[in-house]
Amino acid sequence: MATSKRVQTLLLLAFFVCVFAHRFPALGAHPLLGAEKLTKVHFFLHDTLSGSKPSAVLVAHRENHTGFPNDPTPFGTAFVIDDPLTAGPELDSGVVGNAQGLYVSSRQGPLSLVLGVDFELTAGPYSGSSFVVFSRNPVTEPHRELAVVGGRGAFRLARGFAQLHTHYLNTTNGDAVIEYDVTLLHY
């Protein structure tokens, strides 16, 4: 009788393992999309607030706004961007994509932005695919990490992180070149 109970218990346990293994596949596998991939991409983002053709445009500011004497992105300002992504830090190093979205200056102390940006690659094996960053960016820190929260195309269901390093920042006019090292998990 005890052996029969053990067999029943083992069969029941095996049944649940099979059911739950099907519903909750192992990390890195998806029943419809297949194996998860790891991709790393590297580029430079050029965010230009100055000149006759800026890639970042002020669209909102606080009520008592009096201008930008020495702070091109004061607390409470919002910008819409269409920034080029290049292979190297120079603008003429070859465009590999663009970053479209917005950022808001969200800190009353040292500059910190909240970004909601779609990074689309337009060259190379991932052309036409994009990933999305929605994260806080403490700009004055030399190295920082932002969250990747989604993607499309080859980066469908992406998650991961972007490590940023400021290559160039003009604190008078707000122009910046930011180096991105991005690690993506996707299907």
Protein backbone atom coordinates (compact mmCIF):
# COMPACT_ATOMS: atom_id res chain seq x y z
CA MET A 1 0.00 0.00 0.00
CA ALA A 2 2.82 2.42 0.85
CA THR A 3 4.49 1.66 -2.50
CA SER A 4 1.25 2.42 -4.32
CA LYS A 5 1.02 5.82 -2.57
CA ARG A 6 4.61 6.58 -3.53
CA VAL A 7 3.94 5.70 -7.16
CA GLN A 8 0.80 7.87 -7.16
CA THR A 9 2.72 10.75 -5.60
CA LEU A 10 5.57 10.41 -8.13
CA LEU A 11 3.12 10.25 -11.04
CA LEU A 12 1.28 13.31 -9.75
CA LEU A 13 4.58 15.15 -9.30
CA ALA A 14 5.70 14.18 -12.83
CA PHE A 15 2.35 15.41 -14.20
CA PHE A 16 2.75 18.81 -12.52
CA VAL A 17 6.35 19.12 -13.67
CA CYS A 18 5.27 18.47 -17.28
CA VAL A 19 2.37 20.93 -17.07
CA PHE A 20 4.39 23.71 -15.44
CA ALA A 21 7.43 23.13 -17.66
CA HIS A 22 5.20 23.70 -20.67
CA ARG A 23 3.58 26.83 -19.22
CA PHE A 24 6.79 28.28 -17.78
CA PRO A 25 9.63 27.38 -20.13
CA ALA A 26 13.24 27.49 -18.98
CA LEU A 27 14.92 30.89 -18.86
CA GLY A 28 16.11 31.82 -22.32
CA ALA A 29 13.50 29.88 -24.30
CA HIS A 30 10.04 30.83 -25.51
CA PRO A 31 7.59 28.24 -26.85
CA LEU A 32 6.69 30.38 -29.89
CA LEU A 33 9.76 32.57 -30.46
CA GLY A 34 12.59 30.13 -29.75
CA ALA A 35 15.86 30.75 -28.00
CA GLU A 36 16.70 34.11 -26.50
CA LYS A 37 19.63 35.98 -28.06
CA LEU A 38 22.25 38.29 -26.59
CA THR A 39 23.27 41.26 -28.76
CA LYS A 40 25.66 44.11 -28.03
CA VAL A 41 25.59 47.36 -29.99
CA HIS A 42 27.85 50.39 -29.77
CA PHE A 43 27.29 53.91 -31.14
CA PHE A 44 27.48 57.62 -30.39
CA LEU A 45 24.39 59.80 -29.95
CA HIS A 46 24.62 63.45 -31.08
CA ASP A 47 22.16 65.65 -29.15
CA THR A 48 22.26 69.19 -30.58
CA LEU A 49 20.24 72.01 -29.01
CA SER A 50 22.08 74.85 -30.75
CA GLY A 51 22.31 76.15 -34.30
CA SER A 52 19.80 76.44 -37.13
CA LYS A 53 19.03 72.68 -37.33
CA PRO A 54 18.91 71.34 -33.76
CA SER A 55 18.15 67.66 -33.18
CA ALA A 56 16.58 68.43 -29.78
CA VAL A 57 13.83 71.04 -29.49
CA LEU A 58 12.36 72.59 -26.35
CA VAL A 59 8.60 71.89 -26.25
CA ALA A 60 7.69 72.79 -22.64
CA HIS A 61 9.10 74.71 -19.70
CA ARG A 62 8.03 75.80 -16.24
CA GLU A 63 5.75 78.81 -15.79
CA ASN A 64 8.35 81.22 -14.38
CA HIS A 65 10.94 80.38 -17.03
CA THR A 66 13.29 83.31 -17.72
CA GLY A 67 15.66 81.87 -20.33
CA PHE A 68 18.78 79.75 -20.46
CA PRO A 69 21.74 81.96 -19.48
CA ASN A 70 24.00 79.13 -18.26
CA ASP A 71 21.61 76.19 -18.06
CA PRO A 72 20.22 74.99 -21.41
CA THR A 73 18.11 72.27 -19.74
CA PRO A 74 16.78 73.67 -16.44
CA PHE A 75 14.47 71.69 -14.17
CA GLY A 76 11.00 71.30 -15.66
CA THR A 77 11.92 71.58 -19.34
CA ALA A 78 10.91 68.98 -21.92
CA PHE A 79 12.58 68.31 -25.25
CA VAL A 80 11.60 66.27 -28.30
CA ILE A 81 14.53 64.65 -30.08
CA ASP A 82 15.49 63.18 -33.42
CA ASP A 83 19.19 62.57 -32.75
CA PRO A 84 21.57 60.88 -35.19
CA LEU A 85 23.49 57.80 -34.04
CA THR A 86 26.96 57.38 -35.52
CA ALA A 87 29.68 54.73 -35.57
CA GLY A 88 32.25 57.11 -34.07
CA PRO A 89 32.22 60.30 -32.03
CA GLU A 90 32.43 62.54 -35.11
CA LEU A 91 29.16 63.40 -36.84
CA ASP A 92 30.64 62.44 -40.22
CA SER A 93 31.78 58.98 -39.00
CA GLY A 94 28.77 57.28 -40.58
CA VAL A 95 25.16 57.36 -39.45
CA VAL A 96 24.00 53.99 -38.08
CA GLY A 97 20.58 55.03 -36.78
CA ASN A 98 18.50 57.64 -35.03
CA ALA A 99 17.01 58.19 -31.60
CA GLN A 100 13.50 59.61 -31.46
CA GLY A 101 11.53 60.47 -28.36
CA LEU A 102 11.66 62.91 -25.52
CA TYR A 103 13.46 63.79 -22.36
CA VAL A 104 12.51 65.90 -19.36
CA SER A 105 14.86 67.66 -16.97
CA SER A 106 13.65 66.07 -13.76
CA ARG A 107 16.01 67.13 -10.99
CA GLN A 108 16.40 70.41 -9.14
CA GLY A 109 20.09 69.73 -8.42
CA PRO A 110 22.71 68.47 -10.87
CA LEU A 111 21.28 67.77 -14.32
CA SER A 112 19.27 64.56 -14.52
CA LEU A 113 16.90 63.64 -17.32
CA VAL A 114 14.14 61.08 -17.68
CA LEU A 115 14.25 59.64 -21.20
CA GLY A 116 11.65 57.85 -23.27
CA VAL A 117 13.50 57.14 -26.51
CA ASP A 118 13.26 54.67 -29.41
CA PHE A 119 16.71 53.84 -30.84
CA GLU A 120 16.33 52.61 -34.42
CA LEU A 121 19.30 51.15 -36.25
CA THR A 122 19.37 51.99 -39.97
CA ALA A 123 22.62 50.28 -41.00
CA GLY A 124 24.13 46.84 -40.54
CA PRO A 125 22.50 43.50 -39.74
CA TYR A 126 19.86 45.04 -37.44
CA SER A 127 18.68 47.74 -39.86
CA GLY A 128 15.01 48.52 -39.27
CA SER A 129 15.04 47.15 -35.72
CA SER A 130 14.89 49.25 -32.57
CA PHE A 131 15.01 49.10 -28.81
CA VAL A 132 13.40 51.43 -26.28
CA VAL A 133 15.03 53.11 -23.29
CA PHE A 134 12.86 54.49 -20.52
CA SER A 135 15.05 55.48 -17.64
CA ARG A 136 16.61 58.20 -15.53
CA ASN A 137 19.88 59.62 -16.88
CA PRO A 138 22.02 61.44 -14.28
CA VAL A 139 23.92 63.42 -16.93
CA THR A 140 26.67 64.79 -14.68
CA GLU A 141 27.89 61.30 -13.73
CA PRO A 142 30.69 60.24 -16.10
CA HIS A 143 29.41 56.65 -16.40
CA ARG A 144 25.77 55.68 -16.01
CA GLU A 145 23.36 52.88 -16.81
CA LEU A 146 19.88 53.12 -18.33
CA ALA A 147 17.16 50.49 -18.66
CA VAL A 148 16.12 48.96 -21.98
CA VAL A 149 12.42 48.12 -21.71
CA GLY A 150 11.37 46.85 -25.13
CA GLY A 151 12.05 46.60 -28.82
CA ARG A 152 10.78 45.67 -32.26
CA GLY A 153 12.01 43.87 -35.34
CA ALA A 154 15.06 41.76 -34.53
CA PHE A 155 14.90 43.14 -30.97
CA ARG A 156 11.35 41.98 -30.27
CA LEU A 157 10.69 41.72 -26.50
CA ALA A 158 14.09 43.27 -25.77
CA ARG A 159 15.28 43.97 -22.29
CA GLY A 160 18.69 44.96 -21.06
CA PHE A 161 20.77 48.00 -20.28
CA ALA A 162 22.71 50.80 -21.90
CA GLN A 163 25.97 52.01 -20.39
CA LEU A 164 26.60 55.67 -21.20
CA HIS A 165 29.73 57.76 -21.19
CA THR A 166 29.73 61.47 -22.00
CA HIS A 167 32.21 61.99 -24.83
CA TYR A 168 31.46 65.73 -25.17
CA LEU A 169 29.18 68.16 -23.32
CA ASN A 170 28.88 71.90 -23.86
CA THR A 171 27.28 73.19 -20.66
CA THR A 172 26.57 76.58 -22.25
CA ASN A 173 24.43 75.46 -25.20
CA GLY A 174 23.57 71.88 -24.18
CA ASP A 175 25.14 70.13 -27.18
CA ALA A 176 26.40 66.64 -26.30
CA VAL A 177 27.92 63.51 -27.79
CA ILE A 178 27.17 60.42 -25.71
CA GLU A 179 28.78 57.00 -26.16
CA TYR A 180 26.37 54.06 -25.80
CA ASP A 181 27.33 50.44 -25.08
CA VAL A 182 24.06 48.51 -25.16
CA THR A 183 23.46 44.92 -24.06
CA LEU A 184 20.16 43.41 -25.26
CA LEU A 185 18.38 40.15 -24.52
CA HIS A 186 15.75 39.49 -27.18
CA TYR A 187 14.08 36.84 -29.36
